[in-house]
Protein backbone atom coordinates (compact mmCIF):
# COMPACT_ATOMS: atom_id res chain seq x y z
CA UNK A 1 97.10 47.03 98.41
CA UNK A 2 94.55 49.51 97.06
CA UNK A 3 92.83 49.55 100.46
CA UNK A 4 96.10 50.40 102.22
CA UNK A 5 96.87 53.19 99.75
CA UNK A 6 93.49 54.79 100.34
CA UNK A 7 93.86 54.53 104.09
CA UNK A 8 97.26 56.23 103.83
CA UNK A 9 95.77 58.92 101.58
CA UNK A 10 93.00 59.68 104.04
CA UNK A 11 95.44 59.72 106.95
CA UNK A 12 97.72 62.23 105.22
CA UNK A 13 94.88 64.48 104.14
CA UNK A 14 93.34 64.33 107.60
CA UNK A 15 96.61 65.19 109.32
CA UNK A 16 97.14 68.15 107.03
CA UNK A 17 93.69 69.59 107.50
CA UNK A 18 93.12 68.74 111.13
CA UNK A 19 96.24 70.47 112.32
CA UNK A 20 97.29 72.96 109.66
CA UNK A 21 94.35 74.06 107.55
CA UNK A 22 91.17 73.60 109.55
CA UNK A 23 89.31 76.90 109.62
CA UNK A 24 90.77 79.85 107.72
CA UNK A 25 94.37 79.04 106.70
CA UNK A 26 96.89 81.61 107.95
CA UNK A 27 98.76 82.86 104.91
CA UNK A 28 99.97 86.45 104.51
CA UNK A 29 96.50 88.03 104.18
CA UNK A 30 96.91 89.84 107.47
CA UNK A 31 99.69 92.00 105.99
CA UNK A 32 97.18 93.57 103.58
CA UNK A 33 95.66 95.69 106.36
CA UNK A 34 93.58 92.70 107.44
CA UNK A 35 94.65 91.85 110.99
CA UNK A 36 91.05 91.15 111.97
CA UNK A 37 91.17 88.03 109.77
CA UNK A 38 93.42 86.29 112.33
CA UNK A 39 92.94 88.36 115.51
CA UNK A 40 89.30 88.76 116.71
CA UNK A 41 90.38 91.48 119.18
CA UNK A 42 91.01 93.80 116.21
CA UNK A 43 87.31 93.99 115.34
CA UNK A 44 86.45 97.69 115.55
CA UNK A 45 89.92 98.63 116.81
CA UNK A 46 90.58 101.08 113.96
CA UNK A 47 89.03 104.50 113.44
CA UNK A 48 87.29 103.21 110.28
CA UNK A 49 85.03 100.25 109.58
CA UNK A 50 86.80 97.92 107.13
CA UNK A 51 85.60 95.66 104.34
CA UNK A 52 88.17 93.26 102.90
CA UNK A 53 87.79 90.77 100.04
CA UNK A 54 90.57 88.31 99.21
CA UNK A 55 90.98 85.69 96.46
CA UNK A 56 93.93 83.28 96.55
CA UNK A 57 95.03 80.65 94.03
CA UNK A 58 97.92 78.18 94.19
CA UNK A 59 99.71 76.10 91.58
CA UNK A 60 98.29 77.53 88.37
CA UNK A 61 97.89 74.83 85.73
CA UNK A 62 97.17 72.06 88.28
CA UNK A 63 93.67 70.62 88.48
CA UNK A 64 91.88 71.08 91.82
CA UNK A 65 94.74 73.20 93.19
CA UNK A 66 94.18 74.95 96.54
CA UNK A 67 92.16 78.17 96.47
CA UNK A 68 90.76 80.43 99.16
CA UNK A 69 88.27 83.29 99.23
CA UNK A 70 87.41 85.44 102.26
CA UNK A 71 85.08 88.37 102.84
CA UNK A 72 85.23 90.26 106.12
CA UNK A 73 83.69 93.33 107.70
CA UNK A 74 84.43 94.87 111.08
CA UNK A 75 83.73 98.18 112.73
CA UNK A 76 83.13 100.12 115.92
CA UNK A 77 79.89 99.90 117.90
CA UNK A 78 79.56 102.79 120.30
CA UNK A 79 82.61 104.04 122.21
CA UNK A 80 84.03 100.79 123.58
CA UNK A 81 82.81 97.89 121.46
CA UNK A 82 83.49 96.40 118.04
CA UNK A 83 81.88 93.70 115.91
CA UNK A 84 82.76 91.79 112.78
CA UNK A 85 81.81 89.01 110.41
CA UNK A 86 83.92 86.71 108.22
CA UNK A 87 82.75 84.30 105.52
CA UNK A 88 85.18 82.05 103.67
CA UNK A 89 85.40 79.24 101.14
CA UNK A 90 88.52 77.06 101.06
CA UNK A 91 89.13 74.28 98.51
CA UNK A 92 91.93 71.77 98.10
CA UNK A 93 91.43 68.81 95.79
CA UNK A 94 88.61 66.59 97.02
CA UNK A 95 88.37 68.52 100.29
CA UNK A 96 86.61 71.86 100.81
CA UNK A 97 85.29 73.88 103.72
CA UNK A 98 82.97 76.84 104.12
CA UNK A 99 82.57 78.91 107.23
CA UNK A 100 81.03 81.87 108.98
CA UNK A 101 82.46 83.71 112.01
CA UNK A 102 80.80 86.40 114.12
CA UNK A 103 82.95 88.53 116.41
CA UNK A 104 82.52 90.80 119.40
CA UNK A 105 85.40 92.88 120.78
CA UNK A 106 85.74 95.24 123.74
CA UNK A 107 88.25 98.11 123.73
CA UNK A 108 89.64 99.84 126.81
CA UNK A 109 91.26 103.23 126.24
CA UNK A 110 93.99 104.50 128.57
CA UNK A 111 94.74 107.59 126.46
CA UNK A 112 95.14 111.08 127.90
CA UNK A 113 93.00 112.50 125.08
CA UNK A 114 91.24 111.35 121.91
CA UNK A 115 94.36 111.73 119.73
CA UNK A 116 96.66 109.52 121.81
CA UNK A 117 96.51 105.79 121.12
CA UNK A 118 96.78 103.54 124.17
CA UNK A 119 94.23 100.78 123.70
CA UNK A 120 93.81 97.29 125.18
CA UNK A 121 91.34 95.06 123.31
CA UNK A 122 89.72 91.67 123.89
CA UNK A 123 87.80 89.72 121.26
CA UNK A 124 85.86 86.50 120.81
CA UNK A 125 84.61 84.87 117.61
CA UNK A 126 82.08 82.06 117.30
CA UNK A 127 82.07 80.19 114.03
CA UNK A 128 80.34 77.39 112.17
CA UNK A 129 82.41 75.44 109.63
CA UNK A 130 81.16 72.85 107.16
CA UNK A 131 83.77 70.43 105.81
CA UNK A 132 83.14 68.42 102.66
CA UNK A 133 84.86 65.43 101.06
CA UNK A 134 83.91 64.67 97.46
CA UNK A 135 84.32 60.92 96.90
CA UNK A 136 82.36 60.84 93.63
CA UNK A 137 85.57 60.97 91.56
CA UNK A 138 87.57 58.37 93.49
CA UNK A 139 86.58 55.56 91.12
CA UNK A 140 88.24 52.14 91.27
CA UNK A 141 86.86 48.94 92.69
CA UNK A 142 84.57 48.66 95.71
CA UNK A 143 86.13 49.83 98.98
CA UNK A 144 84.23 49.69 102.31
CA UNK A 145 85.71 53.03 103.53
CA UNK A 146 84.79 54.91 100.33
CA UNK A 147 81.08 55.80 100.09
CA UNK A 148 81.27 57.21 96.57
CA UNK A 149 79.24 60.30 97.49
CA UNK A 150 79.84 63.77 98.93
CA UNK A 151 80.45 63.51 102.67
CA UNK A 152 79.66 66.58 104.81
CA UNK A 153 80.01 67.47 108.46
CA UNK A 154 79.67 70.72 110.40
CA UNK A 155 80.91 71.85 113.78
CA UNK A 156 81.12 74.94 115.99
CA UNK A 157 84.26 76.47 117.49
CA UNK A 158 85.52 79.61 119.19
CA UNK A 159 88.52 81.93 118.78
CA UNK A 160 89.63 84.31 121.55
CA UNK A 161 92.33 86.95 121.60
CA UNK A 162 93.78 90.15 123.00
CA UNK A 163 95.54 93.13 121.39
CA UNK A 164 97.49 96.08 122.73
CA UNK A 165 98.08 99.16 120.58
CA UNK A 166 100.26 101.91 122.06
CA UNK A 167 101.23 104.70 119.66
CA UNK A 168 103.54 103.02 117.10
CA UNK A 169 103.76 99.67 118.93
CA UNK A 170 101.33 96.73 118.78
CA UNK A 171 101.09 93.16 120.06
CA UNK A 172 98.44 90.47 119.53
CA UNK A 173 97.77 87.01 120.98
CA UNK A 174 95.02 84.70 119.71
CA UNK A 175 93.87 81.13 120.33
CA UNK A 176 92.06 79.66 117.33
CA UNK A 177 89.89 76.55 117.71
CA UNK A 178 89.65 76.89 121.49
CA UNK A 179 87.09 74.10 121.95
CA UNK A 180 87.86 70.42 121.51
CA UNK A 181 85.50 69.21 118.86
CA UNK A 182 85.63 66.42 116.32
CA UNK A 183 84.60 66.80 112.71
CA UNK A 184 83.63 63.21 111.95
CA UNK A 185 84.46 63.23 108.28
CA UNK A 186 87.47 60.92 108.28
CA UNK A 187 86.23 58.54 111.02
CA UNK A 188 88.89 57.46 113.52
CA UNK A 189 91.80 59.32 111.92
CA UNK A 190 90.85 62.77 113.21
CA UNK A 191 91.85 64.55 116.38
CA UNK A 192 89.41 66.68 118.37
CA UNK A 193 92.18 69.17 119.19
CA UNK A 194 92.31 71.84 116.46
CA UNK A 195 93.82 74.47 118.76
CA UNK A 196 96.36 76.90 117.34
CA UNK A 197 98.18 79.80 119.04
CA UNK A 198 99.11 83.00 117.21
CA UNK A 199 101.44 85.67 118.59
CA UNK A 200 102.40 88.78 116.63
CA UNK A 201 104.11 92.08 117.38
CA UNK A 202 105.55 95.00 115.48
CA UNK A 203 106.61 98.64 115.53
CA UNK A 204 106.23 101.44 112.99
CA UNK A 205 109.22 103.77 112.51
CA UNK A 206 109.01 107.11 110.72
CA UNK A 207 111.58 109.92 110.53
CA UNK A 208 109.24 112.22 108.65
CA UNK A 209 105.73 112.38 107.22
CA UNK A 210 106.72 110.86 103.85
CA UNK A 211 108.11 107.43 104.73
CA UNK A 212 107.38 104.90 107.47
CA UNK A 213 108.82 101.42 108.09
CA UNK A 214 107.13 98.53 109.87
CA UNK A 215 109.00 95.36 110.94
CA UNK A 216 106.82 92.65 112.52
CA UNK A 217 106.83 89.00 113.56
CA UNK A 218 104.12 86.32 113.63
CA UNK A 219 104.56 83.01 115.49
CA UNK A 220 102.17 80.09 115.01
CA UNK A 221 102.08 77.06 117.33
CA UNK A 222 99.86 74.01 116.71
CA UNK A 223 98.82 72.47 120.02
CA UNK A 224 98.35 68.86 118.93
CA UNK A 225 101.50 68.35 116.86
CA UNK A 226 103.68 71.07 118.48
CA UNK A 227 104.51 72.36 114.99
CA UNK A 228 105.80 75.93 114.92
CA UNK A 229 106.25 78.48 112.13
CA UNK A 230 107.49 82.05 112.18
CA UNK A 231 106.90 84.97 109.80
CA UNK A 232 109.49 87.73 109.58
CA UNK A 233 107.89 90.75 107.91
CA UNK A 234 108.97 94.18 106.75
CA UNK A 235 106.68 96.83 105.27
CA UNK A 236 107.44 100.27 103.88
CA UNK A 237 104.97 103.10 103.25
CA UNK A 238 105.24 106.26 101.17
CA UNK A 239 102.57 108.78 102.05
CA UNK A 240 100.91 110.52 99.11
CA UNK A 241 98.27 113.22 98.70
CA UNK A 242 95.68 110.55 97.79
CA UNK A 243 96.71 108.03 100.48
CA UNK A 244 99.81 105.84 100.38
CA UNK A 245 101.88 103.42 98.33
CA UNK A 246 103.34 100.48 100.22
CA UNK A 247 105.26 97.24 99.78
CA UNK A 248 106.08 94.33 102.05
CA UNK A 249 108.32 91.29 102.15
CA UNK A 250 107.51 88.29 104.34
CA UNK A 251 109.64 85.22 105.03
CA UNK A 252 107.97 82.16 106.58
CA UNK A 253 109.94 79.27 108.01
CA UNK A 254 108.90 76.17 109.91
CA UNK A 255 110.82 74.99 112.95
CA UNK A 256 109.99 71.40 111.94
CA UNK A 257 111.07 69.52 108.85
CA UNK A 258 111.06 66.19 107.08
CA UNK A 259 113.73 63.93 105.63
CA UNK A 260 113.78 62.68 102.05
CA UNK A 261 115.98 60.34 100.06
CA UNK A 262 118.29 61.45 97.28
CA UNK A 263 120.55 59.51 94.97
CA UNK A 264 123.48 60.14 97.30
CA UNK A 265 121.81 59.86 100.69
CA UNK A 266 119.23 61.49 102.94
CA UNK A 267 118.53 65.21 103.27
CA UNK A 268 116.21 67.26 105.48
CA UNK A 269 114.00 70.15 104.42
CA UNK A 270 111.86 72.65 106.32
CA UNK A 271 108.94 74.63 104.93
CA UNK A 272 110.05 78.09 103.87
CA UNK A 273 108.81 80.65 101.38
CA UNK A 274 109.11 84.31 100.48
CA UNK A 275 106.12 86.58 99.95
CA UNK A 276 106.46 90.02 98.37
CA UNK A 277 103.36 92.25 98.49
CA UNK A 278 102.57 95.55 96.80
CA UNK A 279 99.62 97.78 97.64
CA UNK A 280 98.03 101.17 97.31
CA UNK A 281 95.60 103.04 99.54
CA UNK A 282 93.62 105.52 97.43
CA UNK A 283 91.42 107.67 99.65
CA UNK A 284 89.20 105.06 101.35
CA UNK A 285 89.99 102.26 98.89
CA UNK A 286 92.73 99.64 99.15
CA UNK A 287 94.26 97.22 96.62
CA UNK A 288 97.04 94.69 97.19
CA UNK A 289 98.70 91.91 95.20
CA UNK A 290 100.50 89.08 97.00
CA UNK A 291 102.93 86.59 95.45
CA UNK A 292 104.45 83.64 97.35
CA UNK A 293 107.26 81.34 96.23
CA UNK A 294 108.13 78.14 98.08
CA UNK A 295 111.85 77.45 98.52
CA UNK A 296 113.65 74.10 98.72
CA UNK A 297 114.56 71.09 96.59
CA UNK A 298 111.27 69.22 97.10
CA UNK A 299 108.22 71.06 95.77
CA UNK A 300 104.87 69.90 94.40
CA UNK A 301 105.03 72.39 91.54
CA UNK A 302 107.18 75.26 90.30
CA UNK A 303 104.14 77.56 90.20
CA UNK A 304 103.74 80.22 92.85
CA UNK A 305 100.79 81.43 94.92
CA UNK A 306 98.87 84.54 93.86
CA UNK A 307 96.41 86.61 95.85
CA UNK A 308 94.38 89.76 95.27
CA UNK A 309 92.96 91.85 98.12
CA UNK A 310 90.36 94.59 97.68
CA UNK A 311 89.19 96.81 100.50
CA UNK A 312 87.19 99.87 101.44
CA UNK A 313 87.13 101.90 104.66
CA UNK A 314 83.77 103.23 105.85
CA UNK A 315 82.45 105.59 108.53
CA UNK A 316 85.90 107.00 109.31
CA UNK A 317 86.39 109.43 112.17
CA UNK A 318 87.56 112.88 111.16
CA UNK A 319 90.28 112.95 113.82
CA UNK A 320 93.17 110.53 113.34
CA UNK A 321 95.37 109.26 116.14
CA UNK A 322 98.68 111.08 116.56
CA UNK A 323 100.86 108.09 115.67
CA UNK A 324 102.32 106.06 112.83
CA UNK A 325 99.84 103.20 113.16
CA UNK A 326 98.47 102.08 109.75
CA UNK A 327 96.30 99.29 111.18
CA UNK A 328 94.47 101.80 113.41
CA UNK A 329 94.58 105.03 111.39
């Protein structure tokens, strides 16, 4: 019985990480002026080099609750190229992963002059990820599939993507985990297909110089399981003498769900949660706080998810593009 329980545990953990969380998890970090974190084609796309540091914590009060930290830098190289680097550390219970990604992007300008924005970008990231399973705390009687030590395995993978920024409009498409590769940490229970497709688009509206509004959408598709989720986002900016104040609201919903038993029958539930974000851009500095709350009857914990993002813009061009385009300007 104990053997079967542990096999089931490993299968569930493996399914979750192989398809949903392998590499950098896609939360709402990208809404904190951090599109490069999920789209390699945005490396060096803006008129400033950008440093972004994020720290995320889930389920406060629970031992070994999920946490994520990322540090990224990207900027322009010459007139047509961009480069970037991302390091991250992701933990969830007995499982953790660390990674490094290096990015190159190429930007093609179709603008009539230097102030018009009409840019097509292509990017590629190569990354090394080390996954770790800590079995030292499993305890119990002898089990042939539990080694009782820290298991580690590393692998290489590639992300590719394209972006189009035209004045106030933008669209991005990215394939994460392009290569088929197996991280042999959970033996035969893992798939070698970690591929995930990301599509996002948005538009920035502004009637005057004081307020701008930015609706956007992000669609995620997991190749192996055909799972799909969608983010519906809305951001508002108030321009100030020192920079800007802004706030956002994001709603994520899965197209797939699961059934569960109740005292009166069977119900179905799909993943969904709301994420409000507040932020301030002060000169070349940026600060944002993100709060996420899962909705539904079945939840692991009533605690929410909290995230802090710190950023600084470097080597900015004096001339800004003549558009309402916060991710570029």
